[in-house]
Amino acid sequence: MPDTGALPVVVTSGEPAGVGPELCLRLAERDWPRRLVVLADIELMRARASALGRAVRIVPYCREVPVARGCIEVLHLPLAQPSQAGVLVPANGAYVLGLLDRAISGCREAEFAAMVTAPVHKGVICEGLGARDTMPFTGHTEYLAAHTGTARVVMMLVGGGMRVALATTHLPLAAVPAAITPALLEETLRILHADLVRHFGLRAPRILVAGLNPHAGEGGHMGREEIDVILPVLDRLRAEGMQLTGPLPADTLFVPHTLEKGDAVLTMYHDQGLPVLKHASFGGGVNVTLGLPIIRTSVDHGTALDLAGSGRADPGSLYAAVELALAMAAARSTAH
């Protein structure tokens, strides 16, 4: 039975034309230990359930009154225009951002314990905002940082028995070396270490740090970033008591006997670590934003417009994201 004394977890349903709404319907198939509240247009949810032939009881969210198991509680925010599965409507971009705004405020005001996000479509949000040459919305992570006043956040994916954090995220590969400065690397490691303690219950986290270059630079023969930037930062933080191993060659870091010596991995760029994790997690990976004043997890896939409305979308990543948000909320409650 859900713990009615614990704060609920809020789930944003994401792009209304994508698979997010129908994946949220699948939450009714499991018995969760806390209340889950879905942020969506309630008529959209009912229409999508009817179209898919899913007999799900969908009820309006009432903060003071929990509902019975097997229901979907929906905190209603109205669409700007009706939505059809697979068909993007730019006018609904503001609606998608409104879901995020409501979830953020609810978490910051202790209405919700954590937020879980279904996928959004960056392009249609920007088109709806009237942007042509700029990207006013670059993604969940940046939006959450800006709207919580957080100067620096860290992306970490969890799945396949691994936790993989990134020093840099969505940059051209040619821009990565210059972006990895001592200040950025130190701040990233401090955030990663602090949130492994705060949200994952690890009192002394062990972090494996990848090098930037092949063979971790091979003593400077394949690049000096390990010698000039990464190693001095690791030495300084080790002197403070952090358990840091590296810089390690990325091609041998992701083997079982090395991974078992760490609680998390820090890679230097997006495609250094995430292909390994996504291969190992088989669609059940979770994206976590570290460094925020709130707990946020997300699915590790996109809107899948080609699957929307078919009923074939796999809820595994959403289930995993909710499970991790629940575990992080429990760990945070215990720590307090």
C-alpha atoms as a PDB file:
ATOM      1  CA  MET A   1       0.000   0.000   0.000  1.00  0.00           C
ATOM      2  CA  PRO A   2       1.206   3.539  -0.691  1.00  0.00           C
ATOM      3  CA  ASP A   3       2.549   5.503   2.255  1.00  0.00           C
ATOM      4  CA  THR A   4      -0.084   8.234   2.509  1.00  0.00           C
ATOM      5  CA  GLY A   5       2.076  10.142   4.999  1.00  0.00           C
ATOM      6  CA  ALA A   6       4.888  10.586   2.491  1.00  0.00           C
ATOM      7  CA  LEU A   7       4.892  13.339  -0.100  1.00  0.00           C
ATOM      8  CA  PRO A   8       3.825  12.245  -3.582  1.00  0.00           C
ATOM      9  CA  VAL A   9       6.118  12.045  -6.597  1.00  0.00           C
ATOM     10  CA  VAL A  10       4.984  14.130  -9.580  1.00  0.00           C
ATOM     11  CA  VAL A  11       5.345  12.870 -13.149  1.00  0.00           C
ATOM     12  CA  THR A  12       5.223  15.321 -16.063  1.00  0.00           C
ATOM     13  CA  SER A  13       3.612  13.730 -19.120  1.00  0.00           C
ATOM     14  CA  GLY A  14       5.817  15.611 -21.594  1.00  0.00           C
ATOM     15  CA  GLU A  15       5.070  16.219 -25.273  1.00  0.00           C
ATOM     16  CA  PRO A  16       1.347  15.484 -25.696  1.00  0.00           C
ATOM     17  CA  ALA A  17       1.807  14.083 -29.220  1.00  0.00           C
ATOM     18  CA  GLY A  18       4.495  11.659 -28.066  1.00  0.00           C
ATOM     19  CA  VAL A  19       4.498   8.495 -25.996  1.00  0.00           C
ATOM     20  CA  GLY A  20       4.613  10.302 -22.635  1.00  0.00           C
ATOM     21  CA  PRO A  21       0.859  10.345 -21.920  1.00  0.00           C
ATOM     22  CA  GLU A  22       0.360   6.658 -22.739  1.00  0.00           C
ATOM     23  CA  LEU A  23       3.427   5.649 -20.723  1.00  0.00           C
ATOM     24  CA  CYS A  24       1.969   7.560 -17.773  1.00  0.00           C
ATOM     25  CA  LEU A  25      -1.225   5.512 -18.140  1.00  0.00           C
ATOM     26  CA  ARG A  26       0.880   2.388 -17.608  1.00  0.00           C
ATOM     27  CA  LEU A  27       1.790   3.610 -14.112  1.00  0.00           C
ATOM     28  CA  ALA A  28      -1.613   2.287 -12.984  1.00  0.00           C
ATOM     29  CA  GLU A  29      -0.405  -1.253 -13.658  1.00  0.00           C
ATOM     30  CA  ARG A  30       1.920  -1.287 -10.642  1.00  0.00           C
ATOM     31  CA  ASP A  31       1.486  -0.811  -6.907  1.00  0.00           C
ATOM     32  CA  TRP A  32       3.811   2.048  -5.912  1.00  0.00           C
ATOM     33  CA  PRO A  33       4.944   2.750  -2.326  1.00  0.00           C
ATOM     34  CA  ARG A  34       4.033   6.439  -2.619  1.00  0.00           C
ATOM     35  CA  ARG A  35       1.329   8.390  -4.390  1.00  0.00           C
ATOM     36  CA  LEU A  36       2.136   9.321  -7.967  1.00  0.00           C
ATOM     37  CA  VAL A  37       0.587  12.443  -9.495  1.00  0.00           C
ATOM     38  CA  VAL A  38       0.638  12.910 -13.264  1.00  0.00           C
ATOM     39  CA  LEU A  39       0.761  16.437 -14.654  1.00  0.00           C
ATOM     40  CA  ALA A  40      -1.286  16.550 -17.865  1.00  0.00           C
ATOM     41  CA  ASP A  41      -4.480  17.682 -19.526  1.00  0.00           C
ATOM     42  CA  ILE A  42      -6.936  15.257 -17.953  1.00  0.00           C
ATOM     43  CA  GLU A  43      -9.069  15.015 -21.106  1.00  0.00           C
ATOM     44  CA  LEU A  44      -5.959  14.170 -23.122  1.00  0.00           C
ATOM     45  CA  MET A  45      -5.245  11.309 -20.733  1.00  0.00           C
ATOM     46  CA  ARG A  46      -8.825  10.041 -20.918  1.00  0.00           C
ATOM     47  CA  ALA A  47      -8.869  10.271 -24.708  1.00  0.00           C
ATOM     48  CA  ARG A  48      -5.545   8.450 -25.032  1.00  0.00           C
ATOM     49  CA  ALA A  49      -6.724   5.704 -22.657  1.00  0.00           C
ATOM     50  CA  SER A  50      -9.931   5.286 -24.662  1.00  0.00           C
ATOM     51  CA  ALA A  51      -8.069   5.160 -27.979  1.00  0.00           C
ATOM     52  CA  LEU A  52      -5.727   2.488 -26.636  1.00  0.00           C
ATOM     53  CA  GLY A  53      -8.526   0.483 -25.047  1.00  0.00           C
ATOM     54  CA  ARG A  54      -7.045   0.825 -21.563  1.00  0.00           C
ATOM     55  CA  ALA A  55      -9.586   0.640 -18.749  1.00  0.00           C
ATOM     56  CA  VAL A  56      -7.801   3.022 -16.420  1.00  0.00           C
ATOM     57  CA  ARG A  57      -9.656   5.106 -13.866  1.00  0.00           C
ATOM     58  CA  ILE A  58      -8.380   8.680 -14.222  1.00  0.00           C
ATOM     59  CA  VAL A  59      -9.246  11.078 -11.401  1.00  0.00           C
ATOM     60  CA  PRO A  60      -8.436  14.719 -10.618  1.00  0.00           C
ATOM     61  CA  TYR A  61      -5.628  15.253  -8.118  1.00  0.00           C
ATOM     62  CA  CYS A  62      -6.671  16.496  -4.709  1.00  0.00           C
ATOM     63  CA  ARG A  63      -3.756  17.256  -2.427  1.00  0.00           C
ATOM     64  CA  GLU A  64      -5.612  16.329   0.768  1.00  0.00           C
ATOM     65  CA  VAL A  65      -7.367  13.181  -0.470  1.00  0.00           C
ATOM     66  CA  PRO A  66      -5.363  10.169  -1.724  1.00  0.00           C
ATOM     67  CA  VAL A  67      -7.160   7.879  -4.165  1.00  0.00           C
ATOM     68  CA  ALA A  68      -7.465   4.119  -4.342  1.00  0.00           C
ATOM     69  CA  ARG A  69      -4.864   1.916  -5.962  1.00  0.00           C
ATOM     70  CA  GLY A  70      -5.080   1.344  -9.684  1.00  0.00           C
ATOM     71  CA  CYS A  71      -6.075   4.934 -10.438  1.00  0.00           C
ATOM     72  CA  ILE A  72      -4.158   7.664 -12.196  1.00  0.00           C
ATOM     73  CA  GLU A  73      -4.238  10.969 -10.302  1.00  0.00           C
ATOM     74  CA  VAL A  74      -3.983  13.839 -12.769  1.00  0.00           C
ATOM     75  CA  LEU A  75      -3.165  17.416 -11.845  1.00  0.00           C
ATOM     76  CA  HIS A  76      -4.932  19.109 -14.741  1.00  0.00           C
ATOM     77  CA  LEU A  77      -3.270  21.726 -16.921  1.00  0.00           C
ATOM     78  CA  PRO A  78      -5.182  22.490 -20.145  1.00  0.00           C
ATOM     79  CA  LEU A  79      -3.731  22.057 -23.602  1.00  0.00           C
ATOM     80  CA  ALA A  80      -3.613  25.141 -25.809  1.00  0.00           C
ATOM     81  CA  GLN A  81      -4.961  23.098 -28.732  1.00  0.00           C
ATOM     82  CA  PRO A  82      -6.246  19.513 -29.036  1.00  0.00           C
ATOM     83  CA  SER A  83      -3.482  16.958 -29.489  1.00  0.00           C
ATOM     84  CA  GLN A  84      -3.365  13.924 -31.735  1.00  0.00           C
ATOM     85  CA  ALA A  85      -0.836  11.134 -31.195  1.00  0.00           C
ATOM     86  CA  GLY A  86       2.139  11.579 -33.515  1.00  0.00           C
ATOM     87  CA  VAL A  87       1.206  15.088 -34.690  1.00  0.00           C
ATOM     88  CA  LEU A  88       3.220  17.967 -33.240  1.00  0.00           C
ATOM     89  CA  VAL A  89       1.391  21.230 -32.508  1.00  0.00           C
ATOM     90  CA  PRO A  90       3.739  24.178 -31.789  1.00  0.00           C
ATOM     91  CA  ALA A  91       1.015  26.019 -29.866  1.00  0.00           C
ATOM     92  CA  ASN A  92       1.260  23.334 -27.166  1.00  0.00           C
ATOM     93  CA  GLY A  93       4.914  24.157 -26.458  1.00  0.00           C
ATOM     94  CA  ALA A  94       3.894  26.558 -23.691  1.00  0.00           C
ATOM     95  CA  TYR A  95       1.727  23.790 -22.193  1.00  0.00           C
ATOM     96  CA  VAL A  96       4.754  21.473 -21.978  1.00  0.00           C
ATOM     97  CA  LEU A  97       6.787  24.163 -20.210  1.00  0.00           C
ATOM     98  CA  GLY A  98       3.835  24.797 -17.918  1.00  0.00           C
ATOM     99  CA  LEU A  99       3.986  21.166 -16.787  1.00  0.00           C
ATOM    100  CA  LEU A 100       7.631  21.661 -15.834  1.00  0.00           C
ATOM    101  CA  ASP A 101       6.940  24.944 -14.049  1.00  0.00           C
ATOM    102  CA  ARG A 102       4.177  23.367 -11.957  1.00  0.00           C
ATOM    103  CA  ALA A 103       6.338  20.373 -11.058  1.00  0.00           C
ATOM    104  CA  ILE A 104       9.262  22.593 -10.071  1.00  0.00           C
ATOM    105  CA  SER A 105       7.115  24.816  -7.859  1.00  0.00           C
ATOM    106  CA  GLY A 106       5.474  21.788  -6.255  1.00  0.00           C
ATOM    107  CA  CYS A 107       8.832  20.258  -5.398  1.00  0.00           C
ATOM    108  CA  ARG A 108      10.267  23.520  -4.085  1.00  0.00           C
ATOM    109  CA  GLU A 109       7.208  24.137  -1.906  1.00  0.00           C
ATOM    110  CA  ALA A 110       7.246  20.617  -0.404  1.00  0.00           C
ATOM    111  CA  GLU A 111       4.051  19.524  -2.135  1.00  0.00           C
ATOM    112  CA  PHE A 112       5.990  16.794  -3.955  1.00  0.00           C
ATOM    113  CA  ALA A 113       9.015  14.746  -2.917  1.00  0.00           C
ATOM    114  CA  ALA A 114      10.505  14.494  -6.412  1.00  0.00           C
ATOM    115  CA  MET A 115       9.730  14.986 -10.080  1.00  0.00           C
ATOM    116  CA  VAL A 116       9.975  12.509 -12.953  1.00  0.00           C
ATOM    117  CA  THR A 117       9.878  13.776 -16.527  1.00  0.00           C
ATOM    118  CA  ALA A 118       8.557  12.119 -19.659  1.00  0.00           C
ATOM    119  CA  PRO A 119      10.217  13.209 -22.924  1.00  0.00           C
ATOM    120  CA  VAL A 120       9.710  16.575 -24.592  1.00  0.00           C
ATOM    121  CA  HIS A 121      10.386  17.777 -28.139  1.00  0.00           C
ATOM    122  CA  LYS A 122      12.854  20.677 -28.093  1.00  0.00           C
ATOM    123  CA  GLY A 123      12.191  21.760 -31.671  1.00  0.00           C
ATOM    124  CA  VAL A 124       8.437  22.148 -31.367  1.00  0.00           C
ATOM    125  CA  ILE A 125       8.778  24.006 -28.054  1.00  0.00           C
ATOM    126  CA  CYS A 126      11.157  26.496 -29.678  1.00  0.00           C
ATOM    127  CA  GLU A 127       8.876  26.833 -32.701  1.00  0.00           C
ATOM    128  CA  GLY A 128       5.929  27.466 -30.413  1.00  0.00           C
ATOM    129  CA  LEU A 129       7.885  30.172 -28.599  1.00  0.00           C
ATOM    130  CA  GLY A 130       8.511  31.886 -31.933  1.00  0.00           C
ATOM    131  CA  ALA A 131      12.238  31.151 -32.058  1.00  0.00           C
ATOM    132  CA  ARG A 132      13.810  30.841 -35.472  1.00  0.00           C
ATOM    133  CA  ASP A 133      17.539  31.500 -35.111  1.00  0.00           C
ATOM    134  CA  THR A 134      17.994  30.747 -31.408  1.00  0.00           C
ATOM    135  CA  MET A 135      17.155  27.929 -29.024  1.00  0.00           C
ATOM    136  CA  PRO A 136      15.339  29.408 -26.010  1.00  0.00           C
ATOM    137  CA  PHE A 137      14.720  25.866 -24.781  1.00  0.00           C
ATOM    138  CA  THR A 138      17.721  23.556 -25.011  1.00  0.00           C
ATOM    139  CA  GLY A 139      16.461  20.766 -22.781  1.00  0.00           C
ATOM    140  CA  HIS A 140      15.090  19.693 -19.411  1.00  0.00           C
ATOM    141  CA  THR A 141      18.452  19.919 -17.638  1.00  0.00           C
ATOM    142  CA  GLU A 142      19.182  23.513 -18.596  1.00  0.00           C
ATOM    143  CA  TYR A 143      15.576  24.596 -17.982  1.00  0.00           C
ATOM    144  CA  LEU A 144      15.537  23.084 -14.498  1.00  0.00           C
ATOM    145  CA  ALA A 145      18.859  24.705 -13.630  1.00  0.00           C
ATOM    146  CA  ALA A 146      17.669  28.130 -14.774  1.00  0.00           C
ATOM    147  CA  HIS A 147      14.324  27.877 -13.000  1.00  0.00           C
ATOM    148  CA  THR A 148      15.798  26.763  -9.687  1.00  0.00           C
ATOM    149  CA  GLY A 149      18.634  29.301  -9.736  1.00  0.00           C
ATOM    150  CA  THR A 150      21.254  26.556  -9.965  1.00  0.00           C
ATOM    151  CA  ALA A 151      24.533  27.698 -11.514  1.00  0.00           C
ATOM    152  CA  ARG A 152      25.907  24.243 -12.261  1.00  0.00           C
ATOM    153  CA  VAL A 153      24.240  20.859 -12.646  1.00  0.00           C
ATOM    154  CA  VAL A 154      25.599  17.445 -13.586  1.00  0.00           C
ATOM    155  CA  MET A 155      23.938  14.878 -15.833  1.00  0.00           C
ATOM    156  CA  MET A 156      24.161  11.287 -14.641  1.00  0.00           C
ATOM    157  CA  LEU A 157      22.593   8.211 -16.176  1.00  0.00           C
ATOM    158  CA  VAL A 158      21.778   5.141 -14.117  1.00  0.00           C
ATOM    159  CA  GLY A 159      21.204   1.685 -15.545  1.00  0.00           C
ATOM    160  CA  GLY A 160      22.770  -1.653 -16.284  1.00  0.00           C
ATOM    161  CA  GLY A 161      24.302  -1.698 -12.805  1.00  0.00           C
ATOM    162  CA  MET A 162      26.175   1.561 -13.467  1.00  0.00           C
ATOM    163  CA  ARG A 163      26.018   5.242 -12.590  1.00  0.00           C
ATOM    164  CA  VAL A 164      27.723   7.337 -15.273  1.00  0.00           C
ATOM    165  CA  ALA A 165      28.090  11.114 -14.882  1.00  0.00           C
ATOM    166  CA  LEU A 166      29.334  13.538 -17.518  1.00  0.00           C
ATOM    167  CA  ALA A 167      31.845  16.380 -17.179  1.00  0.00           C
ATOM    168  CA  THR A 168      30.537  17.896 -20.436  1.00  0.00           C
ATOM    169  CA  THR A 169      27.240  17.146 -22.153  1.00  0.00           C
ATOM    170  CA  HIS A 170      25.953  18.381 -25.513  1.00  0.00           C
ATOM    171  CA  LEU A 171      29.086  19.874 -27.060  1.00  0.00           C
ATOM    172  CA  PRO A 172      30.760  19.265 -30.400  1.00  0.00           C
ATOM    173  CA  LEU A 173      33.619  16.844 -29.845  1.00  0.00           C
ATOM    174  CA  ALA A 174      36.112  19.452 -31.017  1.00  0.00           C
ATOM    175  CA  ALA A 175      35.017  21.775 -28.189  1.00  0.00           C
ATOM    176  CA  VAL A 176      35.413  19.246 -25.378  1.00  0.00           C
ATOM    177  CA  PRO A 177      39.139  19.613 -24.502  1.00  0.00           C
ATOM    178  CA  ALA A 178      38.907  23.375 -23.982  1.00  0.00           C
ATOM    179  CA  ALA A 179      35.729  22.947 -21.909  1.00  0.00           C
ATOM    180  CA  ILE A 180      37.393  20.618 -19.396  1.00  0.00           C
ATOM    181  CA  THR A 181      38.983  23.187 -17.125  1.00  0.00           C
ATOM    182  CA  PRO A 182      40.224  22.583 -13.580  1.00  0.00           C
ATOM    183  CA  ALA A 183      37.317  24.650 -12.227  1.00  0.00           C
ATOM    184  CA  LEU A 184      34.684  22.705 -14.188  1.00  0.00           C
ATOM    185  CA  LEU A 185      36.153  19.344 -13.263  1.00  0.00           C
ATOM    186  CA  GLU A 186      36.430  20.188  -9.562  1.00  0.00           C
ATOM    187  CA  GLU A 187      32.887  21.543  -9.403  1.00  0.00           C
ATOM    188  CA  THR A 188      31.523  18.501 -11.239  1.00  0.00           C
ATOM    189  CA  LEU A 189      33.241  16.095  -8.873  1.00  0.00           C
ATOM    190  CA  ARG A 190      32.036  18.001  -5.808  1.00  0.00           C
ATOM    191  CA  ILE A 191      28.428  17.907  -7.035  1.00  0.00           C
ATOM    192  CA  LEU A 192      28.672  14.223  -7.948  1.00  0.00           C
ATOM    193  CA  HIS A 193      30.204  13.319  -4.577  1.00  0.00           C
ATOM    194  CA  ALA A 194      27.685  15.386  -2.581  1.00  0.00           C
ATOM    195  CA  ASP A 195      24.628  13.941  -4.319  1.00  0.00           C
ATOM    196  CA  LEU A 196      25.878  10.367  -4.102  1.00  0.00           C
ATOM    197  CA  VAL A 197      25.941  10.965  -0.345  1.00  0.00           C
ATOM    198  CA  ARG A 198      22.676  12.919  -0.157  1.00  0.00           C
ATOM    199  CA  HIS A 199      20.463  11.002  -2.569  1.00  0.00           C
ATOM    200  CA  PHE A 200      22.032   7.554  -2.823  1.00  0.00           C
ATOM    201  CA  GLY A 201      22.957   6.917   0.804  1.00  0.00           C
ATOM    202  CA  LEU A 202      26.681   6.403   0.099  1.00  0.00           C
ATOM    203  CA  ARG A 203      28.691   7.712   3.018  1.00  0.00           C
ATOM    204  CA  ALA A 204      32.049   7.492   1.217  1.00  0.00           C
ATOM    205  CA  PRO A 205      31.413   7.246  -2.527  1.00  0.00           C
ATOM    206  CA  ARG A 206      34.099   5.747  -4.743  1.00  0.00           C
ATOM    207  CA  ILE A 207      34.330   7.567  -8.070  1.00  0.00           C
ATOM    208  CA  LEU A 208      36.164   6.240 -11.115  1.00  0.00           C
ATOM    209  CA  VAL A 209      37.358   9.084 -13.372  1.00  0.00           C
ATOM    210  CA  ALA A 210      38.012   8.546 -17.070  1.00  0.00           C
ATOM    211  CA  GLY A 211      40.796  10.244 -18.931  1.00  0.00           C
ATOM    212  CA  LEU A 212      40.069  12.345 -21.999  1.00  0.00           C
ATOM    213  CA  ASN A 213      42.493  10.850 -24.504  1.00  0.00           C
ATOM    214  CA  PRO A 214      43.035   7.268 -25.713  1.00  0.00           C
ATOM    215  CA  HIS A 215      44.914   5.262 -23.061  1.00  0.00           C
ATOM    216  CA  ALA A 216      44.416   8.263 -20.727  1.00  0.00           C
ATOM    217  CA  GLY A 217      47.062  10.124 -22.706  1.00  0.00           C
ATOM    218  CA  GLU A 218      49.687   7.393 -22.345  1.00  0.00           C
ATOM    219  CA  GLY A 219      52.036   9.530 -20.283  1.00  0.00           C
ATOM    220  CA  GLY A 220      51.556  12.586 -22.483  1.00  0.00           C
ATOM    221  CA  HIS A 221      52.228  10.885 -25.813  1.00  0.00           C
ATOM    222  CA  MET A 222      48.530  11.116 -26.815  1.00  0.00           C
ATOM    223  CA  GLY A 223      47.640  14.387 -25.126  1.00  0.00           C
ATOM    224  CA  ARG A 224      48.487  16.243 -21.930  1.00  0.00           C
ATOM    225  CA  GLU A 225      45.015  16.943 -20.515  1.00  0.00           C
ATOM    226  CA  GLU A 226      45.362  14.088 -18.019  1.00  0.00           C
ATOM    227  CA  ILE A 227      48.706  15.445 -16.738  1.00  0.00           C
ATOM    228  CA  ASP A 228      47.959  19.164 -16.867  1.00  0.00           C
ATOM    229  CA  VAL A 229      44.265  19.299 -15.917  1.00  0.00           C
ATOM    230  CA  ILE A 230      42.677  16.092 -14.640  1.00  0.00           C
ATOM    231  CA  LEU A 231      45.348  14.634 -12.343  1.00  0.00           C
ATOM    232  CA  PRO A 232      46.029  17.854 -10.362  1.00  0.00           C
ATOM    233  CA  VAL A 233      42.289  18.198  -9.619  1.00  0.00           C
ATOM    234  CA  LEU A 234      42.044  14.570  -8.505  1.00  0.00           C
ATOM    235  CA  ASP A 235      45.104  14.920  -6.264  1.00  0.00           C
ATOM    236  CA  ARG A 236      43.691  18.052  -4.634  1.00  0.00           C
ATOM    237  CA  LEU A 237      40.329  16.437  -3.904  1.00  0.00           C
ATOM    238  CA  ARG A 238      41.923  13.197  -2.725  1.00  0.00           C
ATOM    239  CA  ALA A 239      43.812  15.268  -0.156  1.00  0.00           C
ATOM    240  CA  GLU A 240      40.390  16.348   1.171  1.00  0.00           C
ATOM    241  CA  GLY A 241      39.341  12.725   1.597  1.00  0.00           C
ATOM    242  CA  MET A 242      37.449  11.954  -1.621  1.00  0.00           C
ATOM    243  CA  GLN A 243      37.927   8.439  -2.983  1.00  0.00           C
ATOM    244  CA  LEU A 244      38.843   9.081  -6.614  1.00  0.00           C
ATOM    245  CA  THR A 245      40.512   6.621  -8.982  1.00  0.00           C
ATOM    246  CA  GLY A 246      41.997   7.833 -12.242  1.00  0.00           C
ATOM    247  CA  PRO A 247      42.406   9.187 -14.754  1.00  0.00           C
ATOM    248  CA  LEU A 248      41.645   5.770 -16.259  1.00  0.00           C
ATOM    249  CA  PRO A 249      41.631   4.724 -19.921  1.00  0.00           C
ATOM    250  CA  ALA A 250      37.986   4.666 -20.975  1.00  0.00           C
ATOM    251  CA  ASP A 251      38.396   1.530 -23.076  1.00  0.00           C
ATOM    252  CA  THR A 252      39.306  -0.570 -20.034  1.00  0.00           C
ATOM    253  CA  LEU A 253      37.315   1.327 -17.384  1.00  0.00           C
ATOM    254  CA  PHE A 254      34.000  -0.324 -18.302  1.00  0.00           C
ATOM    255  CA  VAL A 255      34.994  -3.884 -17.465  1.00  0.00           C
ATOM    256  CA  PRO A 256      33.494  -5.731 -14.480  1.00  0.00           C
ATOM    257  CA  HIS A 257      36.607  -5.984 -12.317  1.00  0.00           C
ATOM    258  CA  THR A 258      37.190  -2.202 -12.591  1.00  0.00           C
ATOM    259  CA  LEU A 259      33.553  -1.142 -12.231  1.00  0.00           C
ATOM    260  CA  GLU A 260      33.164  -3.166  -9.039  1.00  0.00           C
ATOM    261  CA  LYS A 261      35.752  -0.880  -7.414  1.00  0.00           C
ATOM    262  CA  GLY A 262      33.563   2.206  -7.855  1.00  0.00           C
ATOM    263  CA  ASP A 263      30.104   3.513  -7.044  1.00  0.00           C
ATOM    264  CA  ALA A 264      29.998   5.886 -10.028  1.00  0.00           C
ATOM    265  CA  VAL A 265      31.971   6.799 -13.126  1.00  0.00           C
ATOM    266  CA  LEU A 266      32.769  10.297 -14.343  1.00  0.00           C
ATOM    267  CA  THR A 267      33.398  10.493 -18.079  1.00  0.00           C
ATOM    268  CA  MET A 268      34.712  13.532 -19.882  1.00  0.00           C
ATOM    269  CA  TYR A 269      32.145  13.729 -22.681  1.00  0.00           C
ATOM    270  CA  HIS A 270      28.733  12.461 -23.754  1.00  0.00           C
ATOM    271  CA  ASP A 271      29.652   9.604 -26.066  1.00  0.00           C
ATOM    272  CA  GLN A 272      32.504   8.325 -23.919  1.00  0.00           C
ATOM    273  CA  GLY A 273      30.265   6.683 -21.343  1.00  0.00           C
ATOM    274  CA  LEU A 274      26.633   6.755 -22.416  1.00  0.00           C
ATOM    275  CA  PRO A 275      26.792   4.225 -25.278  1.00  0.00           C
ATOM    276  CA  VAL A 276      28.176   1.678 -22.808  1.00  0.00           C
ATOM    277  CA  LEU A 277      25.462   2.363 -20.248  1.00  0.00           C
ATOM    278  CA  LYS A 278      22.636   2.411 -22.775  1.00  0.00           C
ATOM    279  CA  HIS A 279      23.802  -0.896 -24.217  1.00  0.00           C
ATOM    280  CA  ALA A 280      23.865  -2.406 -20.728  1.00  0.00           C
ATOM    281  CA  SER A 281      20.533  -0.957 -19.585  1.00  0.00           C
ATOM    282  CA  PHE A 282      18.454  -2.170 -22.589  1.00  0.00           C
ATOM    283  CA  GLY A 283      15.988   0.757 -22.569  1.00  0.00           C
ATOM    284  CA  GLY A 284      15.689   0.843 -18.787  1.00  0.00           C
ATOM    285  CA  GLY A 285      18.131   3.672 -18.162  1.00  0.00           C
ATOM    286  CA  VAL A 286      17.357   6.750 -16.093  1.00  0.00           C
ATOM    287  CA  ASN A 287      18.630  10.305 -16.485  1.00  0.00           C
ATOM    288  CA  VAL A 288      19.288  12.079 -13.171  1.00  0.00           C
ATOM    289  CA  THR A 289      20.055  15.780 -12.756  1.00  0.00           C
ATOM    290  CA  LEU A 290      22.513  16.278  -9.905  1.00  0.00           C
ATOM    291  CA  GLY A 291      23.147  19.564  -8.120  1.00  0.00           C
ATOM    292  CA  LEU A 292      19.530  20.777  -8.076  1.00  0.00           C
ATOM    293  CA  PRO A 293      17.722  21.706  -4.847  1.00  0.00           C
ATOM    294  CA  ILE A 294      15.055  19.165  -5.883  1.00  0.00           C
ATOM    295  CA  ILE A 295      15.105  15.531  -7.013  1.00  0.00           C
ATOM    296  CA  ARG A 296      14.618  15.010 -10.741  1.00  0.00           C
ATOM    297  CA  THR A 297      14.810  11.818 -12.773  1.00  0.00           C
ATOM    298  CA  SER A 298      13.794  11.178 -16.359  1.00  0.00           C
ATOM    299  CA  VAL A 299      13.400   8.532 -18.997  1.00  0.00           C
ATOM    300  CA  ASP A 300      16.441   8.041 -21.235  1.00  0.00           C
ATOM    301  CA  HIS A 301      14.511   8.107 -24.532  1.00  0.00           C
ATOM    302  CA  GLY A 302      12.754  10.620 -26.746  1.00  0.00           C
ATOM    303  CA  THR A 303       9.160  11.315 -27.700  1.00  0.00           C
ATOM    304  CA  ALA A 304       8.983   8.362 -30.153  1.00  0.00           C
ATOM    305  CA  LEU A 305       6.350  10.010 -32.319  1.00  0.00           C
ATOM    306  CA  ASP A 306       6.289   6.979 -34.603  1.00  0.00           C
ATOM    307  CA  LEU A 307       5.105   4.813 -31.691  1.00  0.00           C
ATOM    308  CA  ALA A 308       2.690   7.305 -30.153  1.00  0.00           C
ATOM    309  CA  GLY A 309      -0.855   5.993 -30.061  1.00  0.00           C
ATOM    310  CA  SER A 310       0.166   2.440 -30.950  1.00  0.00           C
ATOM    311  CA  GLY A 311       0.283   1.073 -27.407  1.00  0.00           C
ATOM    312  CA  ARG A 312       3.663  -0.527 -28.177  1.00  0.00           C
ATOM    313  CA  ALA A 313       5.847   1.942 -26.267  1.00  0.00           C
ATOM    314  CA  ASP A 314       7.869   0.223 -23.533  1.00  0.00           C
ATOM    315  CA  PRO A 315       7.281   1.735 -20.055  1.00  0.00           C
ATOM    316  CA  GLY A 316      10.505   0.225 -18.666  1.00  0.00           C
ATOM    317  CA  SER A 317      12.491   3.459 -18.547  1.00  0.00           C
ATOM    318  CA  LEU A 318       9.599   5.373 -16.939  1.00  0.00           C
ATOM    319  CA  TYR A 319       9.167   2.643 -14.338  1.00  0.00           C
ATOM    320  CA  ALA A 320      12.904   2.780 -13.608  1.00  0.00           C
ATOM    321  CA  ALA A 321      12.825   6.585 -13.371  1.00  0.00           C
ATOM    322  CA  VAL A 322       9.961   6.458 -10.860  1.00  0.00           C
ATOM    323  CA  GLU A 323      11.663   3.722  -8.851  1.00  0.00           C
ATOM    324  CA  LEU A 324      14.873   5.751  -8.658  1.00  0.00           C
ATOM    325  CA  ALA A 325      13.017   8.937  -7.688  1.00  0.00           C
ATOM    326  CA  LEU A 326      11.290   7.022  -4.888  1.00  0.00           C
ATOM    327  CA  ALA A 327      14.608   5.603  -3.670  1.00  0.00           C
ATOM    328  CA  MET A 328      16.279   9.023  -3.772  1.00  0.00           C
ATOM    329  CA  ALA A 329      13.392  10.601  -1.875  1.00  0.00           C
ATOM    330  CA  ALA A 330      13.601   7.873   0.769  1.00  0.00           C
ATOM    331  CA  ALA A 331      17.388   8.317   1.087  1.00  0.00           C
ATOM    332  CA  ARG A 332      16.974  12.072   1.456  1.00  0.00           C
ATOM    333  CA  SER A 333      14.295  11.611   4.130  1.00  0.00           C
ATOM    334  CA  THR A 334      16.542   9.213   6.042  1.00  0.00           C
ATOM    335  CA  ALA A 335      19.486  11.611   5.815  1.00  0.00           C
ATOM    336  CA  HIS A 336      17.341  14.388   7.295  1.00  0.00           C
END
